[in-house]
Amino acid sequence: MLAALPAVAASTPPPTQPWTVRIHDIRGTTRLSPFTGKTVAGVPGIVIGTRTYGSSKGFWMQDPKPDRNPATSEGIFVYTGSTPTVAVGDSVLVTGTVSQYYPDYAGGSQSITELTKPGITVVSSGNALPAPVVISGSDVPGRYAPPSSGGSIEGLTLHPDRYALDFYASLQGMRVEVKDARVVGPTDAYSELWVETDKGDQKSKRGGALYESYQEPNSGRLQIQSLIPLAQQAFPKANVGDVLTGTTTGPLDYNQYGGYTLVATQLGALKDNGLKREVAPPARDDQASIATYNVENLAPTDPATKFSGLAQGIVSNLRSPDVVALEEIQDNSGAVNDGTVDAGVTVGKLIAAIQAAGGPAYQWRSINPVDGQDGGQPGGNIRQVFLFNPQRISFTDIPGGTSTTAVGVTGTGDDTSLTASPGRIDPANTAWTASRKPLVGQFSFRGKKLFIIANHLVAKLGDQSIDSRFQPPVRSSEVQRLQQATVENGFMDQLLAADPQAEVVSLGDYNDFQFSPAMAALTKGGVLRDLVNELPETSQYTYDYEGNSEVLDHILVSPGIDSAKYDVVHINSEFATQVSDHEPQVVRIKP
């Protein structure tokens, strides 16, 4: 007997018999359904998963009688708008309107083919589910996306044997499975992690998936979420390099925060591979140690555990560097937009935490930004700050540095000096609109002059993701970073023209890759060399984003520094528990 369920999202009558249109007909051979905007009646399927949380409640169903075309998916999502009343294993008939849902249309996301305004009839319950498609390295094509000269790939015929994005699109809405999958992106605050399904992707030294070029995205990355209630099975708390053993099975979804996603109805068990937080080698007494650390919107209102965690990293893992360039220090009121710009309370709390952790009594220098002009979290007024250990290195204070005054260079040879210390590089230049201006300081170590530039270039906000429907994706933020890098390169030209042997360390969060146009512009003419390129290839990463181990933070040195011992110290981005999303770095030089 057919059991009719009321339509949830609209008054569509429940179907009474199957129609001739099947799911694979609705899905078609491209990313856009040939039935978009039309009503289809009595579409048969087996419920393979239900989503009872969030704003996109509904269920996935799959046709147990597939066609022979690998380009046509046999699964589809039915959007109910409220908690679905069907159960996994139900055989259903659905009448509804075919829709293309974009999780982030303006941002370039791909679409999800859905049935909306459904009328649902349960034919029977307790049916066997269609066998899952096992995703493994032998199945996922090495080429990531079909070329489209920056245009949309939506209308292109899917070639799941040629392109990874086509492979996943051909399975969207179907049951898929991964076995013994290596974790390449740690569990985040939203109970998500990333696994690697393609052993052909370049593996980092600690188990991640290296992002090596725009032309070679890692095709095997797959996000894992869960449909299993937490009371029944907690989501695994995984670090990079751990393994999700056994089988993890569920419908293949797509979202704007990670692309293709396996939403699990069965989760594998976590094998902890014992990833350890790194400790930098100690500096010799005659070496100046200089570090950079993005402390992720540090504000006085943050919990004490964040301050103590950052302090522990600086003292124990970085070994109390002589200078630490900090990024994302917020003002004394944090993300409250009340006109406050001073950050003395924020920095003071961190210095106190460092001392409590056994570190030195750091002093600090910075320049307050103009309220609301440097981007970042509204009201936070993030800025760069120099911490320095006066027992090891001295700061040369030169008055005149303000938030709107450009630092210059005076003198030549050994007499070369900044016109202000601390100072900011060309702060009125439009390249720095709504972005942090580089902070420059003049230091002295054992009688040797040392110039340090703390950077935090404009973020990648607005860029299309690598799984975008536009291929190749547009990296719109790159334009401003290229301008910023060009401005700083010009400052380096001035400094090295005055003293070709000037010892300069430029460091911080550049928000761009080692192979990017911005970094090429910054190092143009050999004024700086990017030390991350001198690490072994498998160690070239400072950040983990959607399962990609990539470089966003850098330390660069001028030609006058011929010996530099450089390390990325992995204590955050590969771990489920972290006090910042960036890794700190340190360089040891002998001026």
Protein backbone atom coordinates (compact mmCIF):
# COMPACT_ATOMS: atom_id res chain seq x y z
CA MET A 1 0.00 0.00 0.00
CA LEU A 2 1.32 3.47 -0.90
CA ALA A 3 1.77 5.79 2.07
CA ALA A 4 1.27 9.41 1.06
CA LEU A 5 3.25 12.04 2.98
CA PRO A 6 2.20 15.67 2.95
CA ALA A 7 4.36 18.02 0.93
CA VAL A 8 6.38 20.23 3.27
CA ALA A 9 7.60 23.12 1.13
CA ALA A 10 4.45 23.50 -1.00
CA SER A 11 1.06 21.88 -1.67
CA THR A 12 2.32 19.52 -4.37
CA PRO A 13 0.08 16.44 -4.48
CA PRO A 14 1.91 13.23 -3.57
CA PRO A 15 2.38 11.01 -6.63
CA THR A 16 0.43 7.79 -6.97
CA GLN A 17 2.57 6.01 -9.55
CA PRO A 18 6.04 6.26 -11.06
CA TRP A 19 6.56 8.45 -14.08
CA THR A 20 8.84 7.74 -17.03
CA VAL A 21 11.52 10.29 -15.98
CA ARG A 22 14.32 8.85 -13.85
CA ILE A 23 16.95 10.64 -11.77
CA HIS A 24 19.65 10.19 -14.43
CA ASP A 25 17.34 11.87 -16.94
CA ILE A 26 16.93 14.82 -14.60
CA ARG A 27 20.66 15.07 -13.95
CA GLY A 28 21.70 14.88 -17.60
CA THR A 29 25.28 14.93 -18.86
CA THR A 30 26.25 18.47 -17.75
CA ARG A 31 26.10 20.30 -14.43
CA LEU A 32 22.75 21.84 -15.39
CA SER A 33 19.63 19.71 -15.55
CA PRO A 34 17.71 19.75 -18.85
CA PHE A 35 14.57 19.85 -16.66
CA THR A 36 15.52 22.98 -14.66
CA GLY A 37 12.38 24.94 -13.78
CA LYS A 38 10.06 22.11 -14.79
CA THR A 39 7.87 19.89 -12.64
CA VAL A 40 8.62 16.19 -12.73
CA ALA A 41 6.17 13.67 -11.28
CA GLY A 42 6.59 10.31 -9.62
CA VAL A 43 10.38 10.13 -9.74
CA PRO A 44 11.42 6.87 -8.03
CA GLY A 45 14.36 6.42 -5.68
CA ILE A 46 15.70 4.91 -2.46
CA VAL A 47 16.36 7.32 0.41
CA ILE A 48 20.11 7.13 1.15
CA GLY A 49 20.47 9.95 3.68
CA THR A 50 18.47 12.59 5.54
CA ARG A 51 19.61 16.02 6.68
CA THR A 52 17.69 17.24 9.71
CA TYR A 53 19.85 20.26 10.63
CA GLY A 54 20.75 23.63 9.15
CA SER A 55 18.88 25.68 6.57
CA SER A 56 18.94 23.01 3.85
CA LYS A 57 16.85 20.24 5.36
CA GLY A 58 15.84 17.37 3.13
CA PHE A 59 17.00 14.00 1.89
CA TRP A 60 19.01 12.34 -0.83
CA MET A 61 17.54 9.60 -2.96
CA GLN A 62 19.18 7.35 -5.53
CA ASP A 63 17.83 5.27 -8.39
CA PRO A 64 18.60 1.58 -7.77
CA LYS A 65 18.38 0.99 -11.55
CA PRO A 66 21.18 3.09 -13.07
CA ASP A 67 21.74 3.73 -16.72
CA ARG A 68 25.05 2.93 -18.41
CA ASN A 69 26.24 6.51 -18.87
CA PRO A 70 29.01 7.37 -16.35
CA ALA A 71 28.35 11.10 -16.83
CA THR A 72 24.81 10.98 -15.42
CA SER A 73 24.41 10.91 -11.66
CA GLU A 74 21.84 8.53 -10.19
CA GLY A 75 21.33 10.62 -7.04
CA ILE A 76 19.52 13.85 -6.23
CA PHE A 77 18.73 16.00 -3.17
CA VAL A 78 15.09 16.64 -2.27
CA TYR A 79 14.73 19.96 -0.44
CA THR A 80 11.89 19.77 2.08
CA GLY A 81 12.61 22.96 4.04
CA SER A 82 11.87 21.26 7.35
CA THR A 83 12.81 17.98 9.00
CA PRO A 84 12.13 15.24 6.47
CA THR A 85 9.71 12.51 7.52
CA VAL A 86 11.18 9.80 5.31
CA ALA A 87 13.80 7.33 6.55
CA VAL A 88 16.90 5.82 5.04
CA GLY A 89 15.88 2.72 3.11
CA ASP A 90 12.45 4.06 2.13
CA SER A 91 11.48 3.54 -1.49
CA VAL A 92 9.78 6.78 -2.52
CA LEU A 93 8.09 8.53 -5.40
CA VAL A 94 8.67 12.28 -5.53
CA THR A 95 6.95 14.98 -7.52
CA GLY A 96 8.71 18.33 -7.49
CA THR A 97 10.26 21.23 -9.35
CA VAL A 98 13.81 20.81 -10.63
CA SER A 99 16.05 23.57 -9.34
CA GLN A 100 19.74 24.50 -9.50
CA TYR A 101 20.79 25.69 -6.05
CA TYR A 102 24.00 27.72 -5.73
CA PRO A 103 25.48 27.78 -2.20
CA ASP A 104 27.36 30.95 -3.18
CA TYR A 105 26.32 32.16 -6.62
CA ALA A 106 28.18 35.48 -6.47
CA GLY A 107 31.30 33.72 -5.23
CA GLY A 108 31.36 31.35 -8.20
CA SER A 109 30.24 28.14 -6.54
CA GLN A 110 28.95 25.22 -8.53
CA SER A 111 25.28 24.33 -8.26
CA ILE A 112 23.38 21.44 -6.73
CA THR A 113 20.53 19.91 -8.72
CA GLU A 114 17.53 19.57 -6.38
CA LEU A 115 13.86 18.71 -6.33
CA THR A 116 11.92 21.42 -4.50
CA LYS A 117 8.31 21.88 -3.39
CA PRO A 118 8.04 18.10 -3.14
CA GLY A 119 5.11 15.80 -2.90
CA ILE A 120 6.32 12.49 -1.48
CA THR A 121 4.88 8.99 -1.40
CA VAL A 122 6.55 6.15 0.49
CA VAL A 123 6.17 2.92 -1.46
CA SER A 124 7.97 0.63 1.00
CA SER A 125 10.52 0.76 3.82
CA GLY A 126 13.62 -1.14 4.88
CA ASN A 127 15.00 -1.55 1.37
CA ALA A 128 18.62 -2.34 0.66
CA LEU A 129 20.60 0.73 -0.35
CA PRO A 130 22.38 1.02 -3.69
CA ALA A 131 26.01 -0.07 -3.39
CA PRO A 132 28.30 2.92 -2.82
CA VAL A 133 30.81 4.03 -5.42
CA VAL A 134 34.26 3.58 -3.88
CA ILE A 135 36.43 6.65 -4.46
CA SER A 136 40.10 5.80 -4.64
CA GLY A 137 43.24 7.05 -6.30
CA SER A 138 42.73 4.86 -9.32
CA ASP A 139 39.35 6.52 -9.98
CA VAL A 140 40.08 10.24 -9.46
CA PRO A 141 41.62 11.87 -12.56
CA GLY A 142 44.85 13.77 -11.98
CA ARG A 143 43.64 16.75 -14.01
CA TYR A 144 41.45 18.89 -11.79
CA ALA A 145 39.08 20.91 -13.96
CA PRO A 146 38.10 21.21 -17.62
CA PRO A 147 39.54 24.38 -19.18
CA SER A 148 37.09 27.13 -19.98
CA SER A 149 39.22 30.28 -20.41
CA GLY A 150 37.71 31.73 -17.23
CA GLY A 151 34.16 30.97 -18.31
CA SER A 152 31.61 28.67 -16.70
CA ILE A 153 32.05 24.91 -17.02
CA GLU A 154 28.38 24.27 -16.22
CA GLY A 155 27.27 23.67 -19.79
CA LEU A 156 30.19 21.42 -20.70
CA THR A 157 29.59 17.70 -21.07
CA LEU A 158 30.99 15.87 -18.07
CA HIS A 159 34.06 13.72 -18.63
CA PRO A 160 34.47 11.88 -15.33
CA ASP A 161 37.41 9.94 -16.72
CA ARG A 162 39.37 13.14 -17.53
CA TYR A 163 38.74 15.73 -14.83
CA ALA A 164 38.37 15.42 -11.06
CA LEU A 165 35.61 18.04 -10.84
CA ASP A 166 33.66 16.19 -13.53
CA PHE A 167 34.20 12.91 -11.70
CA TYR A 168 32.71 14.33 -8.50
CA ALA A 169 29.89 16.09 -10.38
CA SER A 170 28.90 12.78 -11.97
CA LEU A 171 28.45 11.31 -8.48
CA GLN A 172 26.74 14.26 -6.79
CA GLY A 173 23.80 13.04 -4.74
CA MET A 174 24.88 9.37 -4.87
CA ARG A 175 26.23 7.06 -2.17
CA VAL A 176 30.02 7.12 -2.19
CA GLU A 177 32.65 5.55 0.03
CA VAL A 178 36.27 6.06 1.02
CA LYS A 179 38.41 3.43 2.71
CA ASP A 180 41.37 3.95 5.04
CA ALA A 181 41.60 7.61 4.04
CA ARG A 182 44.48 9.83 5.18
CA VAL A 183 43.45 13.07 6.88
CA VAL A 184 44.88 16.13 5.12
CA GLY A 185 42.78 18.81 6.82
CA PRO A 186 42.20 18.66 10.59
CA THR A 187 38.78 18.62 12.23
CA ASP A 188 37.49 22.18 12.46
CA ALA A 189 34.99 23.93 14.71
CA TYR A 190 32.12 22.84 12.43
CA SER A 191 32.88 19.09 12.68
CA GLU A 192 34.45 18.84 9.25
CA LEU A 193 37.71 17.34 8.10
CA TRP A 194 39.41 16.62 4.77
CA VAL A 195 40.79 13.35 3.52
CA GLU A 196 43.00 12.45 0.57
CA THR A 197 41.72 9.86 -1.89
CA ASP A 198 44.43 10.18 -4.57
CA LYS A 199 47.89 8.92 -3.69
CA GLY A 200 49.20 10.81 -6.73
CA ASP A 201 48.80 14.15 -4.94
CA GLN A 202 52.08 15.40 -3.48
CA LYS A 203 52.34 14.45 0.18
CA SER A 204 53.85 16.83 2.73
CA LYS A 205 56.46 15.62 5.18
CA ARG A 206 53.81 15.39 7.92
CA GLY A 207 51.00 13.81 5.91
CA GLY A 208 49.21 16.73 4.29
CA ALA A 209 48.58 17.44 0.60
CA LEU A 210 50.94 20.08 -0.80
CA TYR A 211 49.51 22.86 -2.93
CA GLU A 212 52.31 23.38 -5.44
CA SER A 213 50.93 25.53 -8.28
CA TYR A 214 47.79 27.03 -9.78
CA GLN A 215 48.00 24.43 -12.53
CA GLU A 216 48.09 21.41 -10.19
CA PRO A 217 45.39 21.56 -7.50
CA ASN A 218 45.16 18.41 -5.43
CA SER A 219 42.40 16.44 -7.11
CA GLY A 220 41.93 13.84 -4.36
CA ARG A 221 40.87 16.14 -1.50
CA LEU A 222 37.40 15.38 -0.18
CA GLN A 223 35.60 16.99 2.72
CA ILE A 224 33.94 14.76 5.31
CA GLN A 225 30.88 15.79 7.34
CA SER A 226 28.45 13.58 9.25
CA LEU A 227 24.73 12.90 9.28
CA ILE A 228 25.08 10.70 12.37
CA PRO A 229 23.69 12.28 15.57
CA LEU A 230 26.47 13.22 17.99
CA ALA A 231 24.76 11.25 20.73
CA GLN A 232 25.16 8.16 18.59
CA GLN A 233 28.72 8.77 17.34
CA ALA A 234 30.96 11.75 18.06
CA PHE A 235 32.71 13.27 15.09
CA PRO A 236 36.40 12.29 15.10
CA LYS A 237 38.90 14.88 16.33
CA ALA A 238 41.58 14.36 13.75
CA ASN A 239 44.97 15.88 12.98
CA VAL A 240 46.75 15.86 9.65
CA GLY A 241 48.33 12.47 8.99
CA ASP A 242 45.73 10.55 11.00
CA VAL A 243 43.74 7.91 9.12
CA LEU A 244 39.99 7.41 8.92
CA THR A 245 40.19 3.62 8.94
CA GLY A 246 37.62 1.22 7.59
CA THR A 247 34.82 2.64 5.47
CA THR A 248 33.21 6.06 5.50
CA THR A 249 30.04 6.11 3.44
CA GLY A 250 27.30 8.60 2.60
CA PRO A 251 25.80 10.87 -0.06
CA LEU A 252 28.14 13.14 -2.02
CA ASP A 253 27.15 16.77 -1.47
CA TYR A 254 28.65 20.11 -2.47
CA ASN A 255 29.02 23.26 -0.36
CA GLN A 256 30.75 26.63 -0.55
CA TYR A 257 33.15 25.82 2.29
CA GLY A 258 35.12 22.96 0.84
CA GLY A 259 33.45 21.91 -2.39
CA TYR A 260 32.53 18.25 -2.80
CA THR A 261 31.69 16.68 0.53
CA LEU A 262 30.90 13.17 1.69
CA VAL A 263 28.17 13.53 4.32
CA ALA A 264 28.60 10.32 6.23
CA THR A 265 25.92 7.90 7.31
CA GLN A 266 28.77 5.59 8.33
CA LEU A 267 32.02 6.95 9.76
CA GLY A 268 35.30 5.09 9.87
CA ALA A 269 37.31 4.83 13.07
CA LEU A 270 40.11 7.31 13.68
CA LYS A 271 43.68 6.06 13.84
CA ASP A 272 45.84 8.60 15.65
CA ASN A 273 49.26 8.73 14.01
CA GLY A 274 50.71 10.79 16.85
CA LEU A 275 51.45 14.09 15.11
CA LYS A 276 53.71 16.19 17.34
CA ARG A 277 54.10 19.96 17.55
CA GLU A 278 57.51 21.03 16.35
CA VAL A 279 60.24 22.85 18.25
CA ALA A 280 62.68 25.14 16.44
CA PRO A 281 66.42 24.50 16.76
CA PRO A 282 68.10 26.83 19.26
CA ALA A 283 69.90 29.93 18.05
CA ARG A 284 73.59 30.31 18.82
CA ASP A 285 74.63 33.22 20.98
CA ASP A 286 75.99 35.07 17.93
CA GLN A 287 72.81 34.54 15.90
CA ALA A 288 69.85 36.91 15.90
CA SER A 289 66.61 34.92 15.88
CA ILE A 290 63.67 36.66 14.21
CA ALA A 291 60.18 35.19 14.02
CA THR A 292 56.77 35.99 12.59
CA TYR A 293 53.43 34.87 14.01
CA ASN A 294 49.87 35.68 12.92
CA VAL A 295 47.98 35.48 16.22
CA GLU A 296 44.51 35.49 14.62
CA ASN A 297 42.66 38.56 15.83
CA LEU A 298 44.13 38.62 19.32
CA ALA A 299 42.02 40.83 21.57
CA PRO A 300 42.02 41.50 25.35
CA THR A 301 38.67 39.73 25.61
CA ASP A 302 40.09 36.45 24.30
CA PRO A 303 40.23 33.64 26.87
CA ALA A 304 43.35 33.31 28.97
CA THR A 305 44.00 29.96 27.29
CA LYS A 306 44.62 31.71 23.98
CA PHE A 307 47.18 34.06 25.52
CA SER A 308 48.89 31.21 27.36
CA GLY A 309 48.82 29.02 24.25
CA LEU A 310 50.42 31.72 22.11
CA ALA A 311 52.97 32.41 24.84
CA GLN A 312 53.86 28.73 25.11
CA GLY A 313 54.40 28.59 21.36
CA ILE A 314 56.69 31.61 21.42
CA VAL A 315 58.70 30.44 24.43
CA SER A 316 58.85 26.67 24.01
CA ASN A 317 58.37 26.06 20.29
CA LEU A 318 60.07 29.16 18.85
CA ARG A 319 62.57 29.29 21.75
CA SER A 320 61.94 32.94 22.69
CA PRO A 321 63.20 34.68 19.54
CA ASP A 322 65.05 37.98 19.82
CA VAL A 323 62.35 39.63 17.67
CA VAL A 324 58.80 38.46 17.02
CA ALA A 325 56.77 40.25 14.35
CA LEU A 326 53.11 39.76 15.24
CA GLU A 327 50.17 40.10 12.87
CA GLU A 328 46.49 40.57 13.75
CA ILE A 329 46.90 42.35 17.08
CA GLN A 330 43.55 44.03 17.78
CA ASP A 331 43.01 47.24 19.70
CA ASN A 332 42.11 47.43 23.38
CA SER A 333 38.37 47.04 22.80
CA GLY A 334 38.71 44.17 20.35
CA ALA A 335 36.00 43.89 17.70
CA VAL A 336 33.93 46.70 19.23
CA ASN A 337 33.69 49.57 16.78
CA ASP A 338 34.06 52.38 19.35
CA GLY A 339 36.93 54.43 17.90
CA THR A 340 39.63 52.80 20.05
CA VAL A 341 42.92 52.32 18.19
CA ASP A 342 45.52 51.79 20.93
CA ALA A 343 46.59 48.18 21.53
CA GLY A 344 48.65 48.50 24.71
CA VAL A 345 46.33 46.29 26.74
CA THR A 346 46.35 43.53 24.11
CA VAL A 347 50.13 43.52 23.77
CA GLY A 348 50.65 43.86 27.51
CA LYS A 349 48.58 40.75 28.22
CA LEU A 350 50.60 38.74 25.70
CA ILE A 351 53.93 39.95 27.10
CA ALA A 352 52.79 39.03 30.61
CA ALA A 353 51.74 35.58 29.41
CA ILE A 354 55.14 35.10 27.77
CA GLN A 355 56.90 35.97 31.02
CA ALA A 356 54.61 33.61 32.92
CA ALA A 357 55.63 30.86 30.47
CA GLY A 358 59.29 31.46 31.29
CA GLY A 359 60.08 33.81 28.43
CA PRO A 360 61.88 37.17 28.39
CA ALA A 361 60.46 40.54 29.36
CA TYR A 362 59.79 41.66 25.80
CA GLN A 363 59.46 45.30 24.90
CA TRP A 364 57.39 46.34 21.90
CA ARG A 365 56.96 48.91 19.15
CA SER A 366 54.11 49.57 16.75
CA ILE A 367 52.10 52.39 15.17
CA ASN A 368 48.38 52.75 15.77
CA PRO A 369 46.39 52.70 12.52
CA VAL A 370 43.76 55.26 11.58
CA ASP A 371 40.47 53.94 12.93
CA GLY A 372 38.76 51.62 10.45
CA GLN A 373 41.33 52.07 7.68
CA ASP A 374 43.39 48.86 7.82
CA GLY A 375 40.79 46.20 7.10
CA GLY A 376 40.31 43.04 9.11
CA GLN A 377 37.50 42.38 11.56
CA PRO A 378 35.35 45.53 11.84
CA GLY A 379 36.27 47.50 14.96
CA GLY A 380 39.40 45.45 15.60
CA ASN A 381 41.96 47.74 13.93
CA ILE A 382 44.46 44.91 13.49
CA ARG A 383 48.08 45.89 13.12
CA GLN A 384 51.62 44.47 13.15
CA VAL A 385 53.69 44.70 16.32
CA PHE A 386 57.38 44.14 17.01
CA LEU A 387 58.24 42.31 20.23
CA PHE A 388 61.96 42.36 21.05
CA ASN A 389 64.15 41.11 23.84
CA PRO A 390 66.23 44.11 25.03
CA GLN A 391 68.73 41.76 26.66
CA ARG A 392 69.64 40.47 23.21
CA ILE A 393 68.80 43.16 20.65
CA SER A 394 68.08 46.89 20.78
CA PHE A 395 65.49 48.92 18.94
CA THR A 396 66.63 52.19 17.39
CA ASP A 397 63.92 54.72 18.12
CA ILE A 398 63.75 57.47 15.50
CA PRO A 399 60.85 59.90 16.00
CA GLY A 400 58.47 60.89 13.21
CA GLY A 401 56.70 57.64 12.43
CA THR A 402 52.93 58.07 12.32
CA SER A 403 50.05 56.17 10.78
CA THR A 404 49.99 58.53 7.79
CA THR A 405 53.67 59.47 7.41
CA ALA A 406 55.81 57.57 4.92
CA VAL A 407 59.11 56.24 6.20
CA GLY A 408 62.13 57.11 4.10
CA VAL A 409 65.82 56.31 3.85
CA THR A 410 68.65 58.69 4.69
CA GLY A 411 72.44 58.42 4.49
CA THR A 412 74.58 55.96 2.59
CA GLY A 413 76.75 52.94 3.37
CA ASP A 414 77.20 52.28 7.06
CA ASP A 415 75.37 55.54 7.80
CA THR A 416 72.16 54.38 6.08
CA SER A 417 69.19 54.83 8.37
CA LEU A 418 65.43 55.09 8.39
CA THR A 419 63.86 58.52 8.67
CA ALA A 420 61.49 57.07 11.31
CA SER A 421 61.63 53.92 13.40
CA PRO A 422 59.10 52.46 13.70
CA GLY A 423 57.70 53.72 10.41
CA ARG A 424 55.20 52.69 7.75
CA ILE A 425 55.87 52.22 4.05
CA ASP A 426 53.98 54.76 1.90
CA PRO A 427 50.75 54.53 3.94
CA ALA A 428 48.87 57.00 1.70
CA ASN A 429 49.39 54.85 -1.38
CA THR A 430 46.10 53.42 -2.70
CA ALA A 431 47.74 49.99 -2.70
CA TRP A 432 47.08 49.91 1.05
CA THR A 433 43.38 50.84 0.94
CA ALA A 434 41.55 48.87 3.65
CA SER A 435 44.72 46.91 4.32
CA ARG A 436 47.61 46.82 6.76
CA LYS A 437 50.62 49.01 5.96
CA PRO A 438 54.08 47.42 6.36
CA LEU A 439 55.76 48.31 9.66
CA VAL A 440 59.52 48.96 9.47
CA GLY A 441 61.90 48.98 12.39
CA GLN A 442 65.63 49.61 12.76
CA PHE A 443 67.43 47.32 15.20
CA SER A 444 70.97 46.81 16.42
CA PHE A 445 72.42 43.37 17.20
CA ARG A 446 75.97 43.25 18.57
CA GLY A 447 76.67 46.60 16.96
CA LYS A 448 75.30 45.55 13.55
CA LYS A 449 72.38 47.43 12.01
CA LEU A 450 69.36 45.34 11.06
CA PHE A 451 66.20 46.47 9.27
CA ILE A 452 63.00 44.43 9.77
CA ILE A 453 59.76 44.84 7.82
CA ALA A 454 56.58 43.31 9.30
CA ASN A 455 53.93 42.61 6.67
CA HIS A 456 50.29 41.64 6.46
CA LEU A 457 49.11 41.98 2.87
CA VAL A 458 45.46 42.11 1.82
CA ALA A 459 43.53 38.85 2.30
CA LYS A 460 42.14 36.57 -0.38
CA LEU A 461 38.53 37.64 0.28
CA GLY A 462 36.50 37.69 -2.92
CA ASP A 463 38.60 35.15 -4.79
CA GLN A 464 36.75 32.33 -6.50
CA SER A 465 37.55 28.92 -5.03
CA ILE A 466 39.54 26.30 -6.89
CA ASP A 467 36.34 24.23 -7.29
CA SER A 468 34.50 27.21 -8.83
CA ARG A 469 32.20 26.83 -11.82
CA PHE A 470 34.54 29.31 -13.50
CA GLN A 471 37.80 27.75 -14.66
CA PRO A 472 40.37 28.88 -14.11
CA PRO A 473 38.93 30.75 -11.09
CA VAL A 474 39.39 34.49 -10.77
CA ARG A 475 41.77 35.60 -8.01
CA SER A 476 40.50 39.17 -7.76
CA SER A 477 42.37 40.01 -4.55
CA GLU A 478 45.66 39.28 -6.31
CA VAL A 479 45.51 42.65 -8.04
CA GLN A 480 45.91 44.64 -4.81
CA ARG A 481 48.56 42.31 -3.40
CA LEU A 482 50.57 42.77 -6.58
CA GLN A 483 50.34 46.54 -6.10
CA GLN A 484 51.41 46.22 -2.47
CA ALA A 485 54.36 44.01 -3.33
CA THR A 486 55.45 46.49 -5.99
CA VAL A 487 55.39 49.36 -3.47
CA GLU A 488 57.51 47.41 -0.97
CA ASN A 489 59.90 46.36 -3.72
CA GLY A 490 60.38 50.06 -4.49
CA PHE A 491 61.20 50.74 -0.85
CA MET A 492 63.75 47.95 -0.93
CA ASP A 493 65.29 49.54 -4.03
CA GLN A 494 65.76 52.78 -2.06
CA LEU A 495 67.27 51.02 0.92
CA LEU A 496 69.69 48.93 -1.11
CA ALA A 497 70.64 51.89 -3.30
CA ALA A 498 71.78 53.64 -0.12
CA ASP A 499 73.56 50.54 1.19
CA PRO A 500 73.80 47.48 -1.09
CA GLN A 501 74.95 45.46 1.92
CA ALA A 502 72.03 46.47 4.14
CA GLU A 503 70.77 43.54 6.16
CA VAL A 504 66.98 43.39 5.80
CA VAL A 505 64.48 40.80 6.98
CA SER A 506 60.98 41.14 5.50
CA LEU A 507 58.47 38.78 7.05
CA GLY A 508 54.85 38.19 7.95
CA ASP A 509 51.54 37.06 6.50
CA TYR A 510 51.65 37.88 2.79
CA ASN A 511 48.39 36.03 2.06
CA ASP A 512 49.90 34.58 -1.09
CA PHE A 513 51.79 31.61 -2.40
CA GLN A 514 55.50 31.34 -3.09
CA PHE A 515 54.75 31.00 -6.82
CA SER A 516 52.32 33.95 -6.97
CA PRO A 517 52.74 37.15 -9.02
CA ALA A 518 52.84 39.16 -5.77
CA MET A 519 55.86 37.29 -4.44
CA ALA A 520 57.55 37.57 -7.83
CA ALA A 521 57.01 41.34 -7.71
CA LEU A 522 58.29 41.59 -4.14
CA THR A 523 61.53 39.77 -4.98
CA LYS A 524 62.00 41.41 -8.39
CA GLY A 525 65.59 42.43 -9.06
CA GLY A 526 66.89 40.11 -6.36
CA VAL A 527 66.27 42.66 -3.58
CA LEU A 528 64.89 39.86 -1.42
CA ARG A 529 64.95 36.08 -1.52
CA ASP A 530 62.09 33.96 -0.22
CA LEU A 531 63.49 31.43 2.22
CA VAL A 532 60.56 29.01 1.95
CA ASN A 533 61.88 28.07 -1.49
CA GLU A 534 65.09 26.85 0.13
CA LEU A 535 63.28 24.25 2.24
CA PRO A 536 62.79 20.70 0.95
CA GLU A 537 59.71 20.66 -1.27
CA THR A 538 57.70 18.54 1.16
CA SER A 539 58.27 21.16 3.90
CA GLN A 540 57.05 24.17 1.93
CA TYR A 541 53.80 25.07 3.69
CA THR A 542 52.64 27.34 6.53
CA TYR A 543 48.86 26.92 6.49
CA ASP A 544 46.18 24.29 5.91
CA TYR A 545 43.13 25.40 3.94
CA GLU A 546 40.44 22.94 2.87
CA GLY A 547 42.94 20.10 2.92
CA ASN A 548 45.67 21.95 1.03
CA SER A 549 49.01 22.45 2.77
CA GLU A 550 50.03 25.82 1.34
CA VAL A 551 52.28 28.81 1.87
CA LEU A 552 50.80 32.14 3.03
CA ASP A 553 53.49 33.29 5.47
CA HIS A 554 57.05 34.07 4.45
CA ILE A 555 60.43 35.25 5.67
CA LEU A 556 62.61 36.97 3.07
CA VAL A 557 66.12 38.34 3.41
CA SER A 558 68.22 40.83 1.47
CA PRO A 559 71.44 39.88 -0.41
CA GLY A 560 73.48 41.26 2.51
CA ILE A 561 72.36 38.25 4.57
CA ASP A 562 74.20 35.31 3.07
CA SER A 563 73.58 32.79 5.84
CA ALA A 564 70.06 32.22 7.11
CA LYS A 565 68.77 29.19 9.00
CA TYR A 566 65.03 29.15 8.43
CA ASP A 567 62.22 26.99 9.81
CA VAL A 568 58.45 26.79 9.62
CA VAL A 569 57.44 25.56 13.07
CA HIS A 570 54.31 23.43 12.77
CA ILE A 571 52.21 23.86 15.91
CA ASN A 572 48.79 25.00 14.69
CA SER A 573 47.29 24.49 11.26
CA GLU A 574 47.65 20.71 11.14
CA PHE A 575 45.95 20.18 14.50
CA ALA A 576 42.30 20.05 15.53
CA THR A 577 43.26 22.06 18.62
CA GLN A 578 45.04 25.30 17.74
CA VAL A 579 45.51 28.81 19.10
CA SER A 580 45.97 30.35 15.64
CA ASP A 581 45.27 29.22 12.10
CA HIS A 582 48.81 30.11 10.95
CA GLU A 583 52.16 28.53 11.65
CA PRO A 584 54.92 30.71 13.11
CA GLN A 585 58.30 30.84 11.41
CA VAL A 586 61.77 31.76 12.60
CA VAL A 587 65.07 32.62 10.95
CA ARG A 588 68.49 32.63 12.61
CA ILE A 589 71.04 34.95 11.06
CA LYS A 590 74.53 36.12 11.92
CA PRO A 591 74.68 39.83 11.03
